Structures are given as C-alpha cells and as structure tokens.
Amino acid sequence: RGGDLHPAMESHLAKYRKLVPALALVCALADGEPEVGHDSLI
C-alpha cells in the first residue's frame, strides 16, 4: 500500500499472502510435522 512499487511487482508480492503460509505447510509436511510450527514458518 506504500505506492513505491511498480504495479507488476505489487501484483507479484500480493500473491505472497498465500504463498508464505503454503510454503510453511509444505516445509512442515516435508519434515513429517503434524502441524506448521515456528521452524517451518521461518
């Protein structure tokens, strides 16, 4: 919302709202964890 990003980059980064939680889940599953923990999120 800062207005400093090119619209293409802004659109790209907006997808990270879903990407980061999805990556955290993949990391947790890859480690055999029953839930997403701090390490997976990091």
All heavy atoms as atom14 arrays in JSON, in Angstrom:
{
  "sequence": "RGGDLHPAMESHLAKYRKLVPALALVCALADGEPEVGHDSLI",
  "atom14_mask": [
    [1, 1, 1, 1, 1, 1, 1, 1, 1, 1, 1, 0, 0, 0],
    [1, 1, 1, 1, 0, 0, 0, 0, 0, 0, 0, 0, 0, 0],
    [1, 1, 1, 1, 0, 0, 0, 0, 0, 0, 0, 0, 0, 0],
    [1, 1, 1, 1, 1, 1, 1, 1, 0, 0, 0, 0, 0, 0],
    [1, 1, 1, 1, 1, 1, 1, 1, 0, 0, 0, 0, 0, 0],
    [1, 1, 1, 1, 1, 1, 1, 1, 1, 1, 0, 0, 0, 0],
    [1, 1, 1, 1, 1, 1, 1, 0, 0, 0, 0, 0, 0, 0],
    [1, 1, 1, 1, 1, 0, 0, 0, 0, 0, 0, 0, 0, 0],
    [1, 1, 1, 1, 1, 1, 1, 1, 0, 0, 0, 0, 0, 0],
    [1, 1, 1, 1, 1, 1, 1, 1, 1, 0, 0, 0, 0, 0],
    [1, 1, 1, 1, 1, 1, 0, 0, 0, 0, 0, 0, 0, 0],
    [1, 1, 1, 1, 1, 1, 1, 1, 1, 1, 0, 0, 0, 0],
    [1, 1, 1, 1, 1, 1, 1, 1, 0, 0, 0, 0, 0, 0],
    [1, 1, 1, 1, 1, 0, 0, 0, 0, 0, 0, 0, 0, 0],
    [1, 1, 1, 1, 1, 1, 1, 1, 1, 0, 0, 0, 0, 0],
    [1, 1, 1, 1, 1, 1, 1, 1, 1, 1, 1, 1, 0, 0],
    [1, 1, 1, 1, 1, 1, 1, 1, 1, 1, 1, 0, 0, 0],
    [1, 1, 1, 1, 1, 1, 1, 1, 1, 0, 0, 0, 0, 0],
    [1, 1, 1, 1, 1, 1, 1, 1, 0, 0, 0, 0, 0, 0],
    [1, 1, 1, 1, 1, 1, 1, 0, 0, 0, 0, 0, 0, 0],
    [1, 1, 1, 1, 1, 1, 1, 0, 0, 0, 0, 0, 0, 0],
    [1, 1, 1, 1, 1, 0, 0, 0, 0, 0, 0, 0, 0, 0],
    [1, 1, 1, 1, 1, 1, 1, 1, 0, 0, 0, 0, 0, 0],
    [1, 1, 1, 1, 1, 0, 0, 0, 0, 0, 0, 0, 0, 0],
    [1, 1, 1, 1, 1, 1, 1, 1, 0, 0, 0, 0, 0, 0],
    [1, 1, 1, 1, 1, 1, 1, 0, 0, 0, 0, 0, 0, 0],
    [1, 1, 1, 1, 1, 1, 0, 0, 0, 0, 0, 0, 0, 0],
    [1, 1, 1, 1, 1, 0, 0, 0, 0, 0, 0, 0, 0, 0],
    [1, 1, 1, 1, 1, 1, 1, 1, 0, 0, 0, 0, 0, 0],
    [1, 1, 1, 1, 1, 0, 0, 0, 0, 0, 0, 0, 0, 0],
    [1, 1, 1, 1, 1, 1, 1, 1, 0, 0, 0, 0, 0, 0],
    [1, 1, 1, 1, 0, 0, 0, 0, 0, 0, 0, 0, 0, 0],
    [1, 1, 1, 1, 1, 1, 1, 1, 1, 0, 0, 0, 0, 0],
    [1, 1, 1, 1, 1, 1, 1, 0, 0, 0, 0, 0, 0, 0],
    [1, 1, 1, 1, 1, 1, 1, 1, 1, 0, 0, 0, 0, 0],
    [1, 1, 1, 1, 1, 1, 1, 0, 0, 0, 0, 0, 0, 0],
    [1, 1, 1, 1, 0, 0, 0, 0, 0, 0, 0, 0, 0, 0],
    [1, 1, 1, 1, 1, 1, 1, 1, 1, 1, 0, 0, 0, 0],
    [1, 1, 1, 1, 1, 1, 1, 1, 0, 0, 0, 0, 0, 0],
    [1, 1, 1, 1, 1, 1, 0, 0, 0, 0, 0, 0, 0, 0],
    [1, 1, 1, 1, 1, 1, 1, 1, 0, 0, 0, 0, 0, 0],
    [1, 1, 1, 1, 1, 1, 1, 1, 0, 0, 0, 0, 0, 0]
  ],
  "atom14_positions": [
    [[0.81, -1.22, 0.0], [0.0, 0.0, 0.0], [0.84, 1.28, 0.0], [0.3, 2.37, 0.0], [-0.93, 0.0, 1.21], [-2.04, -1.0, 1.06], [-2.84, -1.16, 2.33], [-3.99, -2.02, 2.19], [-3.97, -3.32, 1.97], [-2.83, -3.93, 1.82], [-5.08, -4.04, 1.88], [0.0, 0.0, 0.0], [0.0, 0.0, 0.0], [0.0, 0.0, 0.0]],
    [[2.16, 1.11, 0.0], [3.04, 2.27, 0.09], [3.12, 3.11, -1.17], [3.55, 4.26, -1.13], [0.0, 0.0, 0.0], [0.0, 0.0, 0.0], [0.0, 0.0, 0.0], [0.0, 0.0, 0.0], [0.0, 0.0, 0.0], [0.0, 0.0, 0.0], [0.0, 0.0, 0.0], [0.0, 0.0, 0.0], [0.0, 0.0, 0.0], [0.0, 0.0, 0.0]],
    [[2.76, 2.54, -2.3], [2.8, 3.29, -3.55], [4.17, 3.38, -4.19], [4.33, 4.08, -5.19], [0.0, 0.0, 0.0], [0.0, 0.0, 0.0], [0.0, 0.0, 0.0], [0.0, 0.0, 0.0], [0.0, 0.0, 0.0], [0.0, 0.0, 0.0], [0.0, 0.0, 0.0], [0.0, 0.0, 0.0], [0.0, 0.0, 0.0], [0.0, 0.0, 0.0]],
    [[5.16, 2.69, -3.64], [6.52, 2.76, -4.17], [6.83, 1.66, -5.18], [7.85, 1.72, -5.85], [7.54, 2.66, -3.03], [7.44, 3.83, -2.07], [7.0, 4.91, -2.51], [7.8, 3.65, -0.9], [0.0, 0.0, 0.0], [0.0, 0.0, 0.0], [0.0, 0.0, 0.0], [0.0, 0.0, 0.0], [0.0, 0.0, 0.0], [0.0, 0.0, 0.0]],
    [[5.97, 0.66, -5.28], [6.23, -0.49, -6.13], [5.62, -0.32, -7.51], [4.55, 0.28, -7.66], [5.65, -1.76, -5.5], [6.22, -2.2, -4.16], [5.4, -3.35, -3.59], [7.67, -2.61, -4.3], [0.0, 0.0, 0.0], [0.0, 0.0, 0.0], [0.0, 0.0, 0.0], [0.0, 0.0, 0.0], [0.0, 0.0, 0.0], [0.0, 0.0, 0.0]],
    [[6.31, -0.84, -8.51], [5.75, -0.92, -9.84], [4.52, -1.83, -9.76], [4.52, -2.8, -8.99], [6.79, -1.51, -10.81], [6.35, -1.48, -12.22], [5.52, -2.43, -12.75], [6.62, -0.6, -13.22], [5.29, -2.16, -14.01], [5.97, -1.05, -14.33], [0.0, 0.0, 0.0], [0.0, 0.0, 0.0], [0.0, 0.0, 0.0], [0.0, 0.0, 0.0]],
    [[3.47, -1.54, -10.52], [2.26, -2.37, -10.43], [2.5, -3.86, -10.66], [1.86, -4.7, -10.02], [1.36, -1.79, -11.53], [1.79, -0.38, -11.67], [3.28, -0.38, -11.39], [0.0, 0.0, 0.0], [0.0, 0.0, 0.0], [0.0, 0.0, 0.0], [0.0, 0.0, 0.0], [0.0, 0.0, 0.0], [0.0, 0.0, 0.0], [0.0, 0.0, 0.0]],
    [[3.45, -4.21, -11.51], [3.74, -5.63, -11.74], [4.34, -6.27, -10.49], [3.98, -7.38, -10.11], [4.7, -5.79, -12.92], [0.0, 0.0, 0.0], [0.0, 0.0, 0.0], [0.0, 0.0, 0.0], [0.0, 0.0, 0.0], [0.0, 0.0, 0.0], [0.0, 0.0, 0.0], [0.0, 0.0, 0.0], [0.0, 0.0, 0.0], [0.0, 0.0, 0.0]],
    [[5.25, -5.56, -9.85], [5.87, -6.08, -8.63], [4.85, -6.12, -7.5], [4.84, -7.06, -6.7], [7.09, -5.24, -8.25], [7.88, -5.8, -7.1], [8.61, -7.39, -7.52], [9.69, -7.63, -6.15], [0.0, 0.0, 0.0], [0.0, 0.0, 0.0], [0.0, 0.0, 0.0], [0.0, 0.0, 0.0], [0.0, 0.0, 0.0], [0.0, 0.0, 0.0]],
    [[4.0, -5.12, -7.43], [2.96, -5.09, -6.42], [2.03, -6.29, -6.57], [1.7, -6.96, -5.58], [2.16, -3.8, -6.54], [1.1, -3.63, -5.49], [0.36, -2.32, -5.65], [1.0, -1.3, -5.96], [-0.87, -2.33, -5.47], [0.0, 0.0, 0.0], [0.0, 0.0, 0.0], [0.0, 0.0, 0.0], [0.0, 0.0, 0.0], [0.0, 0.0, 0.0]],
    [[1.65, -6.58, -7.79], [0.79, -7.73, -8.05], [1.5, -9.03, -7.68], [0.9, -9.94, -7.1], [0.4, -7.75, -9.53], [-0.33, -8.9, -9.84], [0.0, 0.0, 0.0], [0.0, 0.0, 0.0], [0.0, 0.0, 0.0], [0.0, 0.0, 0.0], [0.0, 0.0, 0.0], [0.0, 0.0, 0.0], [0.0, 0.0, 0.0], [0.0, 0.0, 0.0]],
    [[2.77, -9.1, -8.02], [3.56, -10.29, -7.69], [3.62, -10.51, -6.18], [3.37, -11.61, -5.68], [4.97, -10.15, -8.27], [5.84, -11.34, -8.03], [5.87, -12.41, -8.89], [6.67, -11.63, -7.01], [6.71, -13.31, -8.4], [7.22, -12.86, -7.27], [0.0, 0.0, 0.0], [0.0, 0.0, 0.0], [0.0, 0.0, 0.0], [0.0, 0.0, 0.0]],
    [[3.96, -9.46, -5.45], [4.11, -9.58, -4.0], [2.77, -9.82, -3.3], [2.74, -10.43, -2.22], [4.79, -8.34, -3.43], [6.26, -8.17, -3.78], [6.8, -6.89, -3.17], [7.08, -9.36, -3.33], [0.0, 0.0, 0.0], [0.0, 0.0, 0.0], [0.0, 0.0, 0.0], [0.0, 0.0, 0.0], [0.0, 0.0, 0.0], [0.0, 0.0, 0.0]],
    [[1.68, -9.37, -3.9], [0.37, -9.6, -3.29], [0.07, -11.1, -3.18], [-0.64, -11.54, -2.27], [-0.71, -8.9, -4.09], [0.0, 0.0, 0.0], [0.0, 0.0, 0.0], [0.0, 0.0, 0.0], [0.0, 0.0, 0.0], [0.0, 0.0, 0.0], [0.0, 0.0, 0.0], [0.0, 0.0, 0.0], [0.0, 0.0, 0.0], [0.0, 0.0, 0.0]],
    [[0.64, -11.87, -4.07], [0.45, -13.32, -4.04], [1.16, -13.98, -2.85], [0.87, -15.12, -2.5], [0.91, -13.94, -5.35], [0.06, -13.51, -6.53], [0.65, -14.0, -7.83], [-0.21, -13.62, -9.01], [-0.12, -12.24, -9.41], [0.0, 0.0, 0.0], [0.0, 0.0, 0.0], [0.0, 0.0, 0.0], [0.0, 0.0, 0.0], [0.0, 0.0, 0.0]],
    [[2.06, -13.26, -2.23], [2.8, -13.82, -1.08], [1.91, -13.97, 0.14], [2.26, -14.68, 1.08], [4.01, -12.94, -0.75], [5.17, -13.16, -1.69], [4.99, -13.19, -3.07], [6.46, -13.33, -1.21], [6.04, -13.39, -3.93], [7.52, -13.52, -2.07], [7.3, -13.55, -3.42], [8.36, -13.75, -4.27], [0.0, 0.0, 0.0], [0.0, 0.0, 0.0]],
    [[0.74, -13.33, 0.13], [-0.22, -13.52, 1.23], [-0.59, -15.0, 1.35], [-0.83, -15.49, 2.44], [-1.49, -12.71, 0.97], [-1.32, -11.23, 1.02], [-2.62, -10.55, 0.6], [-2.51, -9.12, 0.67], [-2.91, -8.31, -0.29], [-3.44, -8.78, -1.41], [-2.79, -7.0, -0.14], [0.0, 0.0, 0.0], [0.0, 0.0, 0.0], [0.0, 0.0, 0.0]],
    [[-0.67, -15.66, 0.21], [-0.99, -17.09, 0.2], [0.28, -17.94, 0.12], [0.32, -19.04, 0.67], [-1.89, -17.41, -0.98], [-2.26, -18.88, -1.04], [-3.13, -19.21, -2.21], [-3.36, -20.71, -2.24], [-4.03, -21.15, -3.43], [0.0, 0.0, 0.0], [0.0, 0.0, 0.0], [0.0, 0.0, 0.0], [0.0, 0.0, 0.0], [0.0, 0.0, 0.0]],
    [[1.29, -17.44, -0.58], [2.49, -18.23, -0.82], [3.22, -18.6, 0.47], [3.6, -19.77, 0.66], [3.46, -17.47, -1.74], [4.79, -18.15, -2.0], [4.59, -19.42, -2.81], [5.75, -17.21, -2.71], [0.0, 0.0, 0.0], [0.0, 0.0, 0.0], [0.0, 0.0, 0.0], [0.0, 0.0, 0.0], [0.0, 0.0, 0.0], [0.0, 0.0, 0.0]],
    [[3.42, -17.65, 1.36], [4.18, -17.93, 2.58], [3.5, -18.98, 3.45], [4.16, -19.95, 3.87], [4.5, -16.63, 3.36], [5.06, -16.94, 4.74], [5.48, -15.79, 2.57], [0.0, 0.0, 0.0], [0.0, 0.0, 0.0], [0.0, 0.0, 0.0], [0.0, 0.0, 0.0], [0.0, 0.0, 0.0], [0.0, 0.0, 0.0], [0.0, 0.0, 0.0]],
    [[2.2, -18.87, 3.73], [1.57, -19.96, 4.51], [1.62, -21.31, 3.79], [1.82, -22.35, 4.43], [0.12, -19.48, 4.68], [0.19, -18.0, 4.54], [1.29, -17.75, 3.55], [0.0, 0.0, 0.0], [0.0, 0.0, 0.0], [0.0, 0.0, 0.0], [0.0, 0.0, 0.0], [0.0, 0.0, 0.0], [0.0, 0.0, 0.0], [0.0, 0.0, 0.0]],
    [[1.49, -21.29, 2.46], [1.56, -22.54, 1.71], [2.95, -23.15, 1.8], [3.11, -24.37, 1.97], [1.17, -22.31, 0.25], [0.0, 0.0, 0.0], [0.0, 0.0, 0.0], [0.0, 0.0, 0.0], [0.0, 0.0, 0.0], [0.0, 0.0, 0.0], [0.0, 0.0, 0.0], [0.0, 0.0, 0.0], [0.0, 0.0, 0.0], [0.0, 0.0, 0.0]],
    [[3.98, -22.32, 1.69], [5.36, -22.81, 1.83], [5.62, -23.36, 3.23], [6.31, -24.37, 3.39], [6.37, -21.7, 1.52], [6.56, -21.33, 0.06], [7.44, -20.1, -0.05], [7.13, -22.49, -0.72], [0.0, 0.0, 0.0], [0.0, 0.0, 0.0], [0.0, 0.0, 0.0], [0.0, 0.0, 0.0], [0.0, 0.0, 0.0], [0.0, 0.0, 0.0]],
    [[5.08, -22.69, 4.23], [5.24, -23.17, 5.6], [4.6, -24.55, 5.77], [5.17, -25.43, 6.42], [4.63, -22.18, 6.59], [0.0, 0.0, 0.0], [0.0, 0.0, 0.0], [0.0, 0.0, 0.0], [0.0, 0.0, 0.0], [0.0, 0.0, 0.0], [0.0, 0.0, 0.0], [0.0, 0.0, 0.0], [0.0, 0.0, 0.0], [0.0, 0.0, 0.0]],
    [[3.45, -24.75, 5.16], [2.8, -26.05, 5.22], [3.62, -27.12, 4.51], [3.8, -28.22, 5.03], [1.4, -25.97, 4.6], [0.6, -27.27, 4.55], [0.41, -27.85, 5.95], [-0.73, -27.05, 3.87], [0.0, 0.0, 0.0], [0.0, 0.0, 0.0], [0.0, 0.0, 0.0], [0.0, 0.0, 0.0], [0.0, 0.0, 0.0], [0.0, 0.0, 0.0]],
    [[4.15, -26.79, 3.35], [4.99, -27.74, 2.61], [6.23, -28.1, 3.43], [6.62, -29.27, 3.51], [5.38, -27.18, 1.23], [6.46, -28.01, 0.57], [4.16, -27.09, 0.33], [0.0, 0.0, 0.0], [0.0, 0.0, 0.0], [0.0, 0.0, 0.0], [0.0, 0.0, 0.0], [0.0, 0.0, 0.0], [0.0, 0.0, 0.0], [0.0, 0.0, 0.0]],
    [[6.84, -27.11, 4.06], [8.02, -27.38, 4.9], [7.66, -28.3, 6.06], [8.41, -29.24, 6.37], [8.6, -26.07, 5.43], [9.41, -25.05, 4.18], [0.0, 0.0, 0.0], [0.0, 0.0, 0.0], [0.0, 0.0, 0.0], [0.0, 0.0, 0.0], [0.0, 0.0, 0.0], [0.0, 0.0, 0.0], [0.0, 0.0, 0.0], [0.0, 0.0, 0.0]],
    [[6.53, -28.06, 6.69], [6.1, -28.9, 7.81], [5.83, -30.33, 7.34], [6.24, -31.3, 7.99], [4.86, -28.31, 8.47], [0.0, 0.0, 0.0], [0.0, 0.0, 0.0], [0.0, 0.0, 0.0], [0.0, 0.0, 0.0], [0.0, 0.0, 0.0], [0.0, 0.0, 0.0], [0.0, 0.0, 0.0], [0.0, 0.0, 0.0], [0.0, 0.0, 0.0]],
    [[5.15, -30.46, 6.22], [4.86, -31.8, 5.7], [6.13, -32.53, 5.3], [6.25, -33.74, 5.54], [3.92, -31.7, 4.5], [2.49, -31.26, 4.8], [1.73, -31.01, 3.51], [1.79, -32.29, 5.67], [0.0, 0.0, 0.0], [0.0, 0.0, 0.0], [0.0, 0.0, 0.0], [0.0, 0.0, 0.0], [0.0, 0.0, 0.0], [0.0, 0.0, 0.0]],
    [[7.08, -31.81, 4.71], [8.35, -32.42, 4.32], [9.12, -32.93, 5.52], [9.85, -33.92, 5.43], [9.19, -31.43, 3.53], [0.0, 0.0, 0.0], [0.0, 0.0, 0.0], [0.0, 0.0, 0.0], [0.0, 0.0, 0.0], [0.0, 0.0, 0.0], [0.0, 0.0, 0.0], [0.0, 0.0, 0.0], [0.0, 0.0, 0.0], [0.0, 0.0, 0.0]],
    [[8.96, -32.26, 6.66], [9.64, -32.68, 7.88], [8.85, -33.7, 8.68], [9.29, -34.13, 9.75], [9.92, -31.46, 8.77], [10.98, -30.55, 8.18], [11.74, -31.02, 7.3], [11.06, -29.39, 8.61], [0.0, 0.0, 0.0], [0.0, 0.0, 0.0], [0.0, 0.0, 0.0], [0.0, 0.0, 0.0], [0.0, 0.0, 0.0], [0.0, 0.0, 0.0]],
    [[7.66, -34.05, 8.2], [6.83, -35.01, 8.92], [6.19, -34.45, 10.17], [5.81, -35.2, 11.07], [0.0, 0.0, 0.0], [0.0, 0.0, 0.0], [0.0, 0.0, 0.0], [0.0, 0.0, 0.0], [0.0, 0.0, 0.0], [0.0, 0.0, 0.0], [0.0, 0.0, 0.0], [0.0, 0.0, 0.0], [0.0, 0.0, 0.0], [0.0, 0.0, 0.0]],
    [[6.07, -33.13, 10.23], [5.47, -32.48, 11.4], [3.94, -32.57, 11.32], [3.38, -32.47, 10.24], [5.89, -31.01, 11.47], [7.38, -30.8, 11.59], [7.94, -31.25, 12.92], [7.19, -31.2, 13.92], [9.11, -31.64, 12.96], [0.0, 0.0, 0.0], [0.0, 0.0, 0.0], [0.0, 0.0, 0.0], [0.0, 0.0, 0.0], [0.0, 0.0, 0.0]],
    [[3.27, -32.72, 12.45], [1.81, -32.8, 12.43], [1.12, -31.44, 12.21], [-0.05, -31.39, 11.87], [1.45, -33.36, 13.81], [2.6, -32.96, 14.67], [3.81, -32.95, 13.78], [0.0, 0.0, 0.0], [0.0, 0.0, 0.0], [0.0, 0.0, 0.0], [0.0, 0.0, 0.0], [0.0, 0.0, 0.0], [0.0, 0.0, 0.0], [0.0, 0.0, 0.0]],
    [[1.86, -30.36, 12.43], [1.3, -29.02, 12.22], [2.42, -28.07, 11.85], [3.6, -28.37, 12.01], [0.58, -28.53, 13.47], [1.47, -28.43, 14.69], [0.71, -28.08, 15.94], [-0.46, -28.47, 16.07], [1.29, -27.39, 16.79], [0.0, 0.0, 0.0], [0.0, 0.0, 0.0], [0.0, 0.0, 0.0], [0.0, 0.0, 0.0], [0.0, 0.0, 0.0]],
    [[2.04, -26.92, 11.35], [3.03, -25.9, 10.98], [3.56, -25.26, 12.25], [2.8, -24.71, 13.04], [2.41, -24.83, 10.05], [3.41, -23.74, 9.76], [1.93, -25.47, 8.76], [0.0, 0.0, 0.0], [0.0, 0.0, 0.0], [0.0, 0.0, 0.0], [0.0, 0.0, 0.0], [0.0, 0.0, 0.0], [0.0, 0.0, 0.0], [0.0, 0.0, 0.0]],
    [[4.86, -25.35, 12.42], [5.48, -24.76, 13.6], [6.36, -23.57, 13.25], [6.44, -23.15, 12.09], [0.0, 0.0, 0.0], [0.0, 0.0, 0.0], [0.0, 0.0, 0.0], [0.0, 0.0, 0.0], [0.0, 0.0, 0.0], [0.0, 0.0, 0.0], [0.0, 0.0, 0.0], [0.0, 0.0, 0.0], [0.0, 0.0, 0.0], [0.0, 0.0, 0.0]],
    [[7.01, -23.06, 14.25], [7.87, -21.89, 14.09], [8.98, -22.13, 13.07], [9.24, -21.27, 12.22], [8.46, -21.52, 15.46], [9.27, -20.28, 15.43], [10.64, -20.3, 15.33], [8.92, -18.96, 15.45], [11.1, -19.06, 15.3], [10.07, -18.23, 15.39], [0.0, 0.0, 0.0], [0.0, 0.0, 0.0], [0.0, 0.0, 0.0], [0.0, 0.0, 0.0]],
    [[9.63, -23.29, 13.13], [10.73, -23.57, 12.21], [10.26, -23.59, 10.76], [10.94, -23.08, 9.86], [11.4, -24.9, 12.54], [12.15, -24.86, 13.86], [12.47, -23.75, 14.33], [12.42, -25.95, 14.42], [0.0, 0.0, 0.0], [0.0, 0.0, 0.0], [0.0, 0.0, 0.0], [0.0, 0.0, 0.0], [0.0, 0.0, 0.0], [0.0, 0.0, 0.0]],
    [[9.09, -24.17, 10.52], [8.54, -24.21, 9.17], [8.24, -22.81, 8.67], [8.48, -22.48, 7.5], [7.27, -25.06, 9.13], [7.55, -26.38, 9.51], [0.0, 0.0, 0.0], [0.0, 0.0, 0.0], [0.0, 0.0, 0.0], [0.0, 0.0, 0.0], [0.0, 0.0, 0.0], [0.0, 0.0, 0.0], [0.0, 0.0, 0.0], [0.0, 0.0, 0.0]],
    [[7.7, -22.0, 9.53], [7.39, -20.62, 9.16], [8.65, -19.83, 8.84], [8.7, -19.09, 7.85], [6.6, -19.93, 10.26], [6.26, -18.47, 10.02], [5.45, -18.29, 8.74], [5.52, -17.9, 11.21], [0.0, 0.0, 0.0], [0.0, 0.0, 0.0], [0.0, 0.0, 0.0], [0.0, 0.0, 0.0], [0.0, 0.0, 0.0], [0.0, 0.0, 0.0]],
    [[9.68, -20.01, 9.64], [10.94, -19.3, 9.4], [11.53, -19.7, 8.06], [12.01, -18.86, 7.29], [11.94, -19.57, 10.56], [11.42, -18.98, 11.86], [13.33, -19.04, 10.22], [11.19, -17.49, 11.83], [0.0, 0.0, 0.0], [0.0, 0.0, 0.0], [0.0, 0.0, 0.0], [0.0, 0.0, 0.0], [0.0, 0.0, 0.0], [0.0, 0.0, 0.0]]
  ]
}
